[in-house]
């Protein structure tokens, strides 16, 4: 057998070394590819878990979260349910909704809170007719859902605005440039397993009838009967909403407990309402409220209590005291809604004392007792056409109004309001014609009496998105 030549042996040795060196490199490349594949699989699994979490959070929020107060009208309550439009963070969905509102109106008096879509009751002794076109009810909001806190707690929130913040300056062109106004800005913390929700931020207080505000296409942000048949307002605060028979069949019971920012007119005039220095904030005394609510398939009913203390000496305790140095604000309300077949019935009654900060007493501030309420009946002739009739009454105690004249009272003694509307609804559109009549009794000095009545006729359209 012939031995390989030295040159051949050298080549064989080099080839053997190369093969020996290549084996670890090949193994390393294989390991690298496996690691990359494992990392990609882990990434996909994480993305899938986030997607599942977002879907589950949306289902939970839709099933368990109490309906947030949207717009004070049945029209807005029928707006499309929130659906994810885009996301702001992993698992959090954001939905943009709202409506475009437009009203052509004519009226024979000037009205309190403004003319057009925010007219409520006539200015005492006012004269002269006017007409116009109003779009300030137009509103939009962002709903957030799917956020996680810890354990079973999650939630979301809402930011809501309309255009009743006034007009853009003064002059010939200001009326066509209404200013946006923040209505609500709150966050929700929800536990779907216990039926608990904590709402933190600016929201409706519990006296405002979110469940049964009067139906109207013209009066949405300032509903029919607002401050003239029912009370309530938006405040920064916190509310705990607890299902009492969570997970059971039948009527659903819920207890709401709330604490809200203090509020009052002065003392020492409107300047003290700046930077929280009203009598309602003196001594850190929030408004506290409780509401017991029950709802079944065709009806909802509720009972509300309100309490706060107002120190008329002001935050620093040196303001001149009008008549007395403190007021206890107390209110009670019973209301509900029933929808048997094509019919709809809404109403409430309330009574209280010192309710000016929640639009009570015809927006008069003082130690003034009052009673009031409203009723509304509606009938749907077809799925598109409906007719609604409304009546409201607010009656502050006459002796209290006279006593507090010039110290928060403006002499408004009694108000009656009636309205009739015909509405057409199809898809996202609604059209309606409405007549509102209001009659107000007042005094300027406690001795004389004056009755002022006013009418408003309006034609309105609404588009929900």
Protein backbone atom coordinates (compact mmCIF):
# COMPACT_ATOMS: atom_id res chain seq x y z
CA UNK A 1 0.00 0.00 0.00
CA UNK A 2 1.45 3.35 -1.00
CA UNK A 3 1.70 6.06 1.71
CA UNK A 4 0.31 9.51 0.94
CA UNK A 5 2.76 12.12 -0.10
CA UNK A 6 3.74 14.90 2.35
CA UNK A 7 1.71 17.41 0.31
CA UNK A 8 -1.39 15.20 0.42
CA UNK A 9 -0.97 14.61 4.15
CA UNK A 10 -0.87 18.38 4.74
CA UNK A 11 -4.10 18.87 2.77
CA UNK A 12 -5.86 16.11 4.72
CA UNK A 13 -4.73 17.60 8.03
CA UNK A 14 -5.99 21.08 7.05
CA UNK A 15 -9.34 19.67 5.98
CA UNK A 16 -9.70 17.83 9.31
CA UNK A 17 -8.98 20.98 11.29
CA UNK A 18 -11.48 23.00 9.25
CA UNK A 19 -14.18 20.42 9.85
CA UNK A 20 -13.43 20.42 13.55
CA UNK A 21 -13.70 24.21 13.72
CA UNK A 22 -16.92 24.32 11.66
CA UNK A 23 -18.86 21.98 13.93
CA UNK A 24 -19.20 24.44 16.89
CA UNK A 25 -20.04 27.31 14.50
CA UNK A 26 -22.83 25.27 12.95
CA UNK A 27 -24.15 24.36 16.39
CA UNK A 28 -24.00 28.02 17.42
CA UNK A 29 -25.94 29.11 14.32
CA UNK A 30 -28.56 26.47 15.01
CA UNK A 31 -28.89 27.65 18.62
CA UNK A 32 -29.22 31.26 17.43
CA UNK A 33 -32.04 30.39 15.05
CA UNK A 34 -33.85 28.47 17.78
CA UNK A 35 -33.53 31.41 20.18
CA UNK A 36 -34.88 33.81 17.58
CA UNK A 37 -37.83 31.49 16.92
CA UNK A 38 -38.54 31.17 20.65
CA UNK A 39 -38.43 34.95 21.08
CA UNK A 40 -40.84 35.44 18.18
CA UNK A 41 -43.24 32.84 19.61
CA UNK A 42 -43.10 34.55 23.01
CA UNK A 43 -43.80 37.92 21.38
CA UNK A 44 -46.81 36.56 19.51
CA UNK A 45 -48.12 34.93 22.69
CA UNK A 46 -47.83 38.26 24.54
CA UNK A 47 -49.67 40.12 21.79
CA UNK A 48 -52.41 37.47 21.79
CA UNK A 49 -52.77 37.75 25.57
CA UNK A 50 -53.09 41.54 25.32
CA UNK A 51 -55.76 41.18 22.62
CA UNK A 52 -57.71 38.68 24.72
CA UNK A 53 -57.44 40.99 27.71
CA UNK A 54 -58.75 43.94 25.73
CA UNK A 55 -61.72 41.94 24.41
CA UNK A 56 -62.53 40.60 27.89
CA UNK A 57 -62.25 44.07 29.42
CA UNK A 58 -64.66 45.47 26.84
CA UNK A 59 -67.16 42.66 27.49
CA UNK A 60 -66.86 43.18 31.26
CA UNK A 61 -67.28 46.93 30.98
CA UNK A 62 -70.33 46.59 28.77
CA UNK A 63 -71.94 44.04 31.10
CA UNK A 64 -71.11 45.52 34.51
CA UNK A 65 -70.30 49.20 34.31
CA UNK A 66 -73.24 51.46 35.27
CA UNK A 67 -74.43 53.62 32.43
CA UNK A 68 -72.61 56.97 32.73
CA UNK A 69 -74.67 60.05 32.68
CA UNK A 70 -74.62 61.21 29.10
CA UNK A 71 -76.88 64.00 28.08
CA UNK A 72 -79.88 65.10 30.08
CA UNK A 73 -82.45 63.84 27.60
CA UNK A 74 -83.91 60.57 26.38
CA UNK A 75 -82.71 61.58 22.92
CA UNK A 76 -79.06 61.38 23.91
CA UNK A 77 -79.54 58.24 25.97
CA UNK A 78 -80.42 56.53 22.71
CA UNK A 79 -77.03 57.41 21.21
CA UNK A 80 -74.94 54.54 19.79
CA UNK A 81 -73.16 52.40 22.36
CA UNK A 82 -69.43 52.96 22.72
CA UNK A 83 -67.31 50.87 20.39
CA UNK A 84 -63.50 50.86 20.17
CA UNK A 85 -62.33 53.36 17.60
CA UNK A 86 -58.67 53.48 18.48
CA UNK A 87 -56.42 52.57 21.39
CA UNK A 88 -54.35 54.83 23.61
CA UNK A 89 -52.46 52.06 25.47
CA UNK A 90 -52.31 48.25 25.40
CA UNK A 91 -55.78 46.95 26.27
CA UNK A 92 -57.40 50.42 26.43
CA UNK A 93 -60.01 51.35 23.82
CA UNK A 94 -61.16 54.89 23.06
CA UNK A 95 -64.50 55.78 21.45
CA UNK A 96 -65.57 59.17 20.12
CA UNK A 97 -69.29 59.90 20.20
CA UNK A 98 -71.61 62.87 20.33
CA UNK A 99 -74.32 64.67 18.43
CA UNK A 100 -74.86 67.73 16.28
CA UNK A 101 -77.84 69.80 17.40
CA UNK A 102 -79.49 72.76 15.68
CA UNK A 103 -82.63 74.71 16.66
CA UNK A 104 -84.51 77.53 14.97
CA UNK A 105 -86.58 79.35 17.58
CA UNK A 106 -88.89 82.28 18.16
CA UNK A 107 -89.97 83.64 21.58
CA UNK A 108 -91.93 86.56 22.98
CA UNK A 109 -89.86 87.21 26.12
CA UNK A 110 -86.24 87.08 27.20
CA UNK A 111 -85.58 83.98 29.30
CA UNK A 112 -83.37 83.20 32.30
CA UNK A 113 -80.06 81.41 31.58
CA UNK A 114 -80.29 82.64 27.98
CA UNK A 115 -82.47 82.55 24.91
CA UNK A 116 -82.78 79.67 22.47
CA UNK A 117 -81.63 76.25 23.61
CA UNK A 118 -80.93 77.29 27.21
CA UNK A 119 -84.18 79.20 27.89
CA UNK A 120 -86.00 78.10 31.07
CA UNK A 121 -88.31 80.79 32.56
CA UNK A 122 -88.91 84.43 31.55
CA UNK A 123 -86.98 87.35 32.98
CA UNK A 124 -89.46 89.22 35.23
CA UNK A 125 -90.93 92.21 33.42
CA UNK A 126 -89.08 91.55 30.15
CA UNK A 127 -90.62 92.72 26.87
CA UNK A 128 -90.03 92.25 23.17
CA UNK A 129 -89.89 89.25 20.84
CA UNK A 130 -86.84 87.70 19.23
CA UNK A 131 -85.80 84.79 17.04
CA UNK A 132 -82.61 83.00 16.20
CA UNK A 133 -80.74 79.82 15.32
CA UNK A 134 -78.85 77.95 18.05
CA UNK A 135 -76.28 75.13 17.77
CA UNK A 136 -74.79 75.20 21.30
CA UNK A 137 -76.33 71.86 22.31
CA UNK A 138 -73.81 70.22 19.97
CA UNK A 139 -71.73 67.87 22.09
CA UNK A 140 -68.91 65.34 21.87
CA UNK A 141 -67.30 62.96 24.32
CA UNK A 142 -64.51 60.41 24.56
CA UNK A 143 -65.16 57.13 26.39
CA UNK A 144 -62.20 55.13 27.68
CA UNK A 145 -62.51 51.45 28.65
CA UNK A 146 -60.32 48.43 29.33
CA UNK A 147 -57.79 49.99 31.71
CA UNK A 148 -56.42 47.70 34.44
CA UNK A 149 -55.69 48.65 38.05
CA UNK A 150 -54.99 45.61 40.24
CA UNK A 151 -56.64 42.28 40.87
CA UNK A 152 -60.20 42.32 39.58
CA UNK A 153 -60.30 46.13 39.38
CA UNK A 154 -60.29 47.93 36.06
CA UNK A 155 -62.28 50.66 34.42
CA UNK A 156 -62.08 53.67 32.15
CA UNK A 157 -63.46 57.18 32.05
CA UNK A 158 -65.10 59.97 30.12
CA UNK A 159 -64.35 63.50 28.88
CA UNK A 160 -67.41 65.43 27.68
CA UNK A 161 -67.83 68.94 26.24
CA UNK A 162 -70.49 71.13 24.66
CA UNK A 163 -70.59 74.79 23.56
CA UNK A 164 -72.41 76.63 26.34
CA UNK A 165 -69.24 78.25 27.64
CA UNK A 166 -70.37 81.65 26.34
CA UNK A 167 -69.46 83.47 23.16
CA UNK A 168 -66.04 84.35 21.79
CA UNK A 169 -65.77 87.93 22.98
CA UNK A 170 -68.26 90.68 22.14
CA UNK A 171 -69.27 92.48 19.00
CA UNK A 172 -70.94 91.79 15.71
CA UNK A 173 -69.42 88.32 15.15
CA UNK A 174 -69.23 86.80 18.64
CA UNK A 175 -72.61 85.03 18.52
CA UNK A 176 -71.41 82.79 15.69
CA UNK A 177 -68.40 81.63 17.76
CA UNK A 178 -69.65 79.80 20.87
CA UNK A 179 -67.00 78.67 23.35
CA UNK A 180 -66.49 75.01 24.37
CA UNK A 181 -67.43 74.05 27.94
CA UNK A 182 -66.18 71.10 29.97
CA UNK A 183 -69.20 69.17 31.21
CA UNK A 184 -67.79 65.97 32.66
CA UNK A 185 -64.30 64.59 33.23
CA UNK A 186 -64.12 61.46 35.38
CA UNK A 187 -62.42 58.12 35.79
CA UNK A 188 -64.14 54.85 36.74
CA UNK A 189 -62.70 52.04 38.83
CA UNK A 190 -64.90 48.95 38.41
CA UNK A 191 -64.93 45.48 39.93
CA UNK A 192 -67.25 43.26 37.83
CA UNK A 193 -67.10 40.43 40.36
CA UNK A 194 -68.58 42.50 43.22
CA UNK A 195 -70.65 44.96 41.19
CA UNK A 196 -68.73 47.93 42.57
CA UNK A 197 -67.79 51.15 40.77
CA UNK A 198 -65.93 54.20 42.08
CA UNK A 199 -66.27 57.32 39.93
CA UNK A 200 -63.77 60.15 40.54
CA UNK A 201 -63.91 63.56 38.85
CA UNK A 202 -66.49 66.06 37.62
CA UNK A 203 -69.86 64.39 37.21
CA UNK A 204 -73.57 64.90 37.88
CA UNK A 205 -74.53 64.98 41.53
CA UNK A 206 -77.05 62.39 42.70
CA UNK A 207 -80.01 64.80 42.83
CA UNK A 208 -79.88 65.35 39.07
CA UNK A 209 -82.33 62.90 37.43
CA UNK A 210 -79.97 61.20 35.00
CA UNK A 211 -82.38 58.27 34.60
CA UNK A 212 -85.43 60.31 33.59
CA UNK A 213 -84.62 63.79 32.32
CA UNK A 214 -87.46 65.24 30.23
CA UNK A 215 -87.48 64.34 26.55
CA UNK A 216 -86.79 67.28 24.23
CA UNK A 217 -84.80 67.99 21.08
CA UNK A 218 -84.44 71.71 21.86
CA UNK A 219 -83.74 71.64 25.59
CA UNK A 220 -80.92 69.14 26.10
CA UNK A 221 -78.07 70.80 28.00
CA UNK A 222 -80.71 72.88 29.82
CA UNK A 223 -83.60 70.40 29.99
CA UNK A 224 -87.25 71.30 30.31
CA UNK A 225 -87.96 72.07 33.96
CA UNK A 226 -84.31 72.52 34.94
CA UNK A 227 -84.22 74.75 38.04
CA UNK A 228 -87.98 75.12 37.50
CA UNK A 229 -89.18 71.63 38.45
CA UNK A 230 -86.08 69.65 39.34
CA UNK A 231 -82.57 70.36 40.64
CA UNK A 232 -78.99 69.12 40.30
CA UNK A 233 -75.65 70.17 38.87
CA UNK A 234 -72.17 68.89 37.96
CA UNK A 235 -69.39 68.97 40.57
CA UNK A 236 -65.93 67.48 41.05
CA UNK A 237 -66.27 64.68 43.57
CA UNK A 238 -66.33 60.94 44.18
CA UNK A 239 -69.24 58.46 44.02
CA UNK A 240 -69.33 54.83 45.14
CA UNK A 241 -71.93 52.76 43.21
CA UNK A 242 -72.64 49.33 44.71
CA UNK A 243 -74.97 46.65 43.32
CA UNK A 244 -77.01 45.29 46.22
CA UNK A 245 -78.19 42.05 44.58
CA UNK A 246 -75.33 41.57 42.14
CA UNK A 247 -75.76 38.55 39.87
CA UNK A 248 -79.35 37.81 40.85
CA UNK A 249 -82.41 37.77 38.62
CA UNK A 250 -85.21 40.28 38.68
CA UNK A 251 -85.05 43.96 39.56
CA UNK A 252 -81.55 45.37 40.07
CA UNK A 253 -80.92 47.34 43.26
CA UNK A 254 -78.03 49.77 43.64
CA UNK A 255 -76.83 52.13 46.37
CA UNK A 256 -74.86 55.25 45.41
CA UNK A 257 -72.93 57.38 47.91
CA UNK A 258 -71.34 60.65 46.85
CA UNK A 259 -69.29 63.57 48.19
CA UNK A 260 -68.97 66.69 46.02
CA UNK A 261 -67.21 70.03 45.91
CA UNK A 262 -68.83 72.72 48.05
CA UNK A 263 -70.58 75.57 46.25
CA UNK A 264 -72.44 78.81 47.03
CA UNK A 265 -72.89 82.34 45.72
CA UNK A 266 -70.36 84.40 47.72
CA UNK A 267 -70.36 85.70 50.34
CA UNK A 268 -69.03 89.15 49.39
CA UNK A 269 -70.27 88.83 45.80
CA UNK A 270 -69.10 86.76 42.89
CA UNK A 271 -65.43 87.55 43.47
CA UNK A 272 -65.35 85.00 46.28
CA UNK A 273 -66.44 82.25 43.88
CA UNK A 274 -62.94 82.40 42.36
CA UNK A 275 -60.32 79.88 43.50
CA UNK A 276 -62.80 77.86 45.61
CA UNK A 277 -63.39 80.68 48.12
CA UNK A 278 -67.17 80.38 48.35
CA UNK A 279 -69.15 79.86 51.53
CA UNK A 280 -69.75 76.31 50.37
CA UNK A 281 -66.05 75.49 50.73
CA UNK A 282 -65.51 77.13 54.13
CA UNK A 283 -64.29 74.63 56.73
CA UNK A 284 -63.97 71.78 54.22
CA UNK A 285 -67.65 70.86 54.18
CA UNK A 286 -68.49 68.91 51.01
CA UNK A 287 -71.98 68.19 49.74
CA UNK A 288 -72.88 64.60 50.66
CA UNK A 289 -75.62 62.63 48.94
CA UNK A 290 -77.06 59.11 48.86
CA UNK A 291 -79.29 57.47 46.26
CA UNK A 292 -81.15 54.14 46.34
CA UNK A 293 -81.99 53.00 42.81
CA UNK A 294 -83.94 50.02 41.46
CA UNK A 295 -84.43 49.10 37.81
CA UNK A 296 -86.37 46.39 36.01
CA UNK A 297 -87.12 45.77 32.34
CA UNK A 298 -89.63 48.58 31.78
CA UNK A 299 -89.17 50.90 34.77
CA UNK A 300 -86.67 52.59 37.06
CA UNK A 301 -87.22 54.32 40.41
CA UNK A 302 -84.96 56.07 42.89
CA UNK A 303 -84.86 57.96 46.19
CA UNK A 304 -82.18 60.60 46.89
CA UNK A 305 -81.03 62.54 49.95
CA UNK A 306 -78.75 65.61 50.01
CA UNK A 307 -76.98 67.47 52.86
CA UNK A 308 -74.38 70.22 53.18
CA UNK A 309 -73.50 73.10 55.51
CA UNK A 310 -72.73 76.62 54.30
CA UNK A 311 -70.70 79.03 56.44
CA UNK A 312 -71.78 82.52 55.32
CA UNK A 313 -68.83 84.09 57.15
CA UNK A 314 -66.64 82.89 54.30
CA UNK A 315 -63.38 80.96 54.18
CA UNK A 316 -61.50 83.46 56.34
CA UNK A 317 -64.47 83.99 58.69
CA UNK A 318 -64.62 87.76 58.26
CA UNK A 319 -67.31 88.29 55.59
CA UNK A 320 -70.39 90.30 56.60
CA UNK A 321 -73.16 87.90 57.58
CA UNK A 322 -76.55 88.30 55.80
CA UNK A 323 -79.36 87.55 58.31
CA UNK A 324 -77.64 84.45 59.79
CA UNK A 325 -74.12 83.05 59.73
CA UNK A 326 -74.81 79.52 58.46
CA UNK A 327 -77.31 77.53 56.43
CA UNK A 328 -78.06 73.83 56.33
CA UNK A 329 -78.80 72.63 52.80
CA UNK A 330 -81.12 69.62 52.84
CA UNK A 331 -82.95 67.97 49.95
CA UNK A 332 -85.06 64.89 49.19
CA UNK A 333 -86.18 63.54 45.83
CA UNK A 334 -88.35 60.66 44.63
CA UNK A 335 -88.58 59.91 40.91
CA UNK A 336 -88.85 57.31 38.21
CA UNK A 337 -89.72 56.32 34.68
CA UNK A 338 -92.06 53.68 33.22
CA UNK A 339 -92.37 52.50 29.61
CA UNK A 340 -95.39 50.26 29.07
CA UNK A 341 -95.55 49.42 25.38
CA UNK A 342 -95.70 52.56 23.21
CA UNK A 343 -96.20 54.79 26.28
CA UNK A 344 -93.57 56.63 28.30
CA UNK A 345 -94.08 58.25 31.73
CA UNK A 346 -91.47 60.25 33.65
CA UNK A 347 -91.64 62.31 36.79
CA UNK A 348 -90.29 63.30 40.18
CA UNK A 349 -91.11 65.31 43.28
CA UNK A 350 -88.59 67.02 45.54
CA UNK A 351 -88.47 69.14 48.65
CA UNK A 352 -85.64 70.90 50.42
CA UNK A 353 -84.05 73.93 51.95
CA UNK A 354 -81.06 76.01 50.86
CA UNK A 355 -80.65 74.26 47.49
CA UNK A 356 -79.39 77.23 45.48
CA UNK A 357 -76.03 75.59 44.74
CA UNK A 358 -77.79 72.78 42.85
CA UNK A 359 -80.10 75.13 40.89
CA UNK A 360 -82.82 75.01 43.54
CA UNK A 361 -85.09 77.83 44.64
CA UNK A 362 -85.22 79.15 41.07
CA UNK A 363 -81.46 79.74 41.45
CA UNK A 364 -81.91 81.86 44.59
CA UNK A 365 -79.39 81.55 47.41
CA UNK A 366 -80.50 81.71 51.02
CA UNK A 367 -82.23 79.82 53.80
CA UNK A 368 -85.17 79.21 51.46
CA UNK A 369 -87.50 76.23 51.65
CA UNK A 370 -89.07 74.89 48.44
CA UNK A 371 -91.03 72.11 46.78
CA UNK A 372 -91.35 71.14 43.13
CA UNK A 373 -91.52 68.44 40.53
CA UNK A 374 -92.45 67.51 36.98
CA UNK A 375 -94.39 64.94 34.98
CA UNK A 376 -94.07 63.97 31.32
CA UNK A 377 -96.11 61.56 29.21
CA UNK A 378 -95.19 60.39 25.73
CA UNK A 379 -96.78 58.14 23.14
CA UNK A 380 -95.12 56.56 20.08
CA UNK A 381 -97.65 56.32 17.27
CA UNK A 382 -95.16 54.46 15.05
CA UNK A 383 -91.49 53.48 15.40
CA UNK A 384 -90.72 56.95 13.98
CA UNK A 385 -93.34 59.37 15.34
CA UNK A 386 -93.95 60.34 18.97
CA UNK A 387 -95.79 63.03 20.93
CA UNK A 388 -94.71 64.31 24.37
CA UNK A 389 -96.52 66.47 26.93
CA UNK A 390 -94.71 68.06 29.90
CA UNK A 391 -95.55 70.06 33.04
CA UNK A 392 -93.28 71.31 35.86
CA UNK A 393 -93.68 73.46 38.96
CA UNK A 394 -91.23 75.04 41.40
CA UNK A 395 -92.42 76.92 44.49
CA UNK A 396 -89.99 78.48 46.96
CA UNK A 397 -91.55 79.48 50.30
CA UNK A 398 -92.75 83.05 49.83
CA UNK A 399 -91.78 84.28 53.30
CA UNK A 400 -88.22 82.97 52.91
CA UNK A 401 -87.84 84.58 49.47
CA UNK A 402 -88.99 87.97 50.83
CA UNK A 403 -86.77 87.66 53.90
CA UNK A 404 -83.65 87.03 51.82
CA UNK A 405 -84.29 89.73 49.20
CA UNK A 406 -80.98 91.39 48.37
CA UNK A 407 -79.04 88.66 50.22
CA UNK A 408 -79.23 85.93 47.57
CA UNK A 409 -82.95 86.11 46.76
CA UNK A 410 -84.09 87.84 43.57
CA UNK A 411 -87.79 87.77 44.45
CA UNK A 412 -88.92 84.74 42.40
CA UNK A 413 -91.97 83.23 44.09
CA UNK A 414 -93.42 80.48 41.88
CA UNK A 415 -92.92 79.04 38.41
CA UNK A 416 -95.04 76.83 36.15
CA UNK A 417 -93.82 75.41 32.87
CA UNK A 418 -95.60 73.40 30.16
CA UNK A 419 -94.37 72.00 26.85
CA UNK A 420 -95.69 69.97 23.93
CA UNK A 421 -93.51 68.40 21.25
CA UNK A 422 -93.87 66.23 18.15
CA UNK A 423 -90.78 64.25 17.15
CA UNK A 424 -89.68 62.12 14.22
CA UNK A 425 -86.74 59.68 14.53
CA UNK A 426 -85.07 57.61 11.83
CA UNK A 427 -81.68 56.02 12.33
CA UNK A 428 -79.18 58.55 13.66
CA UNK A 429 -81.46 61.50 12.81
CA UNK A 430 -84.24 63.15 14.82
CA UNK A 431 -86.46 66.11 13.97
CA UNK A 432 -88.97 67.84 16.18
CA UNK A 433 -91.21 70.84 16.72
CA UNK A 434 -91.80 72.09 20.29
CA UNK A 435 -93.87 74.72 22.07
CA UNK A 436 -92.87 75.79 25.58
CA UNK A 437 -94.91 78.06 27.85
CA UNK A 438 -93.74 79.42 31.21
CA UNK A 439 -95.44 81.53 33.87
CA UNK A 440 -93.43 83.17 36.68
CA UNK A 441 -94.64 85.05 39.80
CA UNK A 442 -92.19 87.51 41.36
CA UNK A 443 -91.81 90.50 43.68
CA UNK A 444 -89.31 93.35 43.84
CA UNK A 445 -89.87 94.55 47.40
CA UNK A 446 -91.98 91.94 49.17
CA UNK A 447 -95.16 93.97 48.78
CA UNK A 448 -95.93 94.03 45.06
CA UNK A 449 -96.61 90.99 42.88
CA UNK A 450 -95.92 90.53 39.17
CA UNK A 451 -96.70 87.69 36.79
CA UNK A 452 -94.58 87.28 33.65
CA UNK A 453 -95.40 84.68 31.02
CA UNK A 454 -93.40 83.68 27.97
CA UNK A 455 -93.65 81.41 24.95
CA UNK A 456 -91.04 79.73 22.80
CA UNK A 457 -91.62 77.79 19.58
CA UNK A 458 -88.72 75.82 18.12
CA UNK A 459 -87.86 73.50 15.28
CA UNK A 460 -84.88 71.25 16.02
CA UNK A 461 -82.75 68.61 14.34
CA UNK A 462 -80.27 66.17 15.86
CA UNK A 463 -77.68 63.84 14.35
CA UNK A 464 -76.02 61.28 16.63
CA UNK A 465 -72.63 59.74 15.96
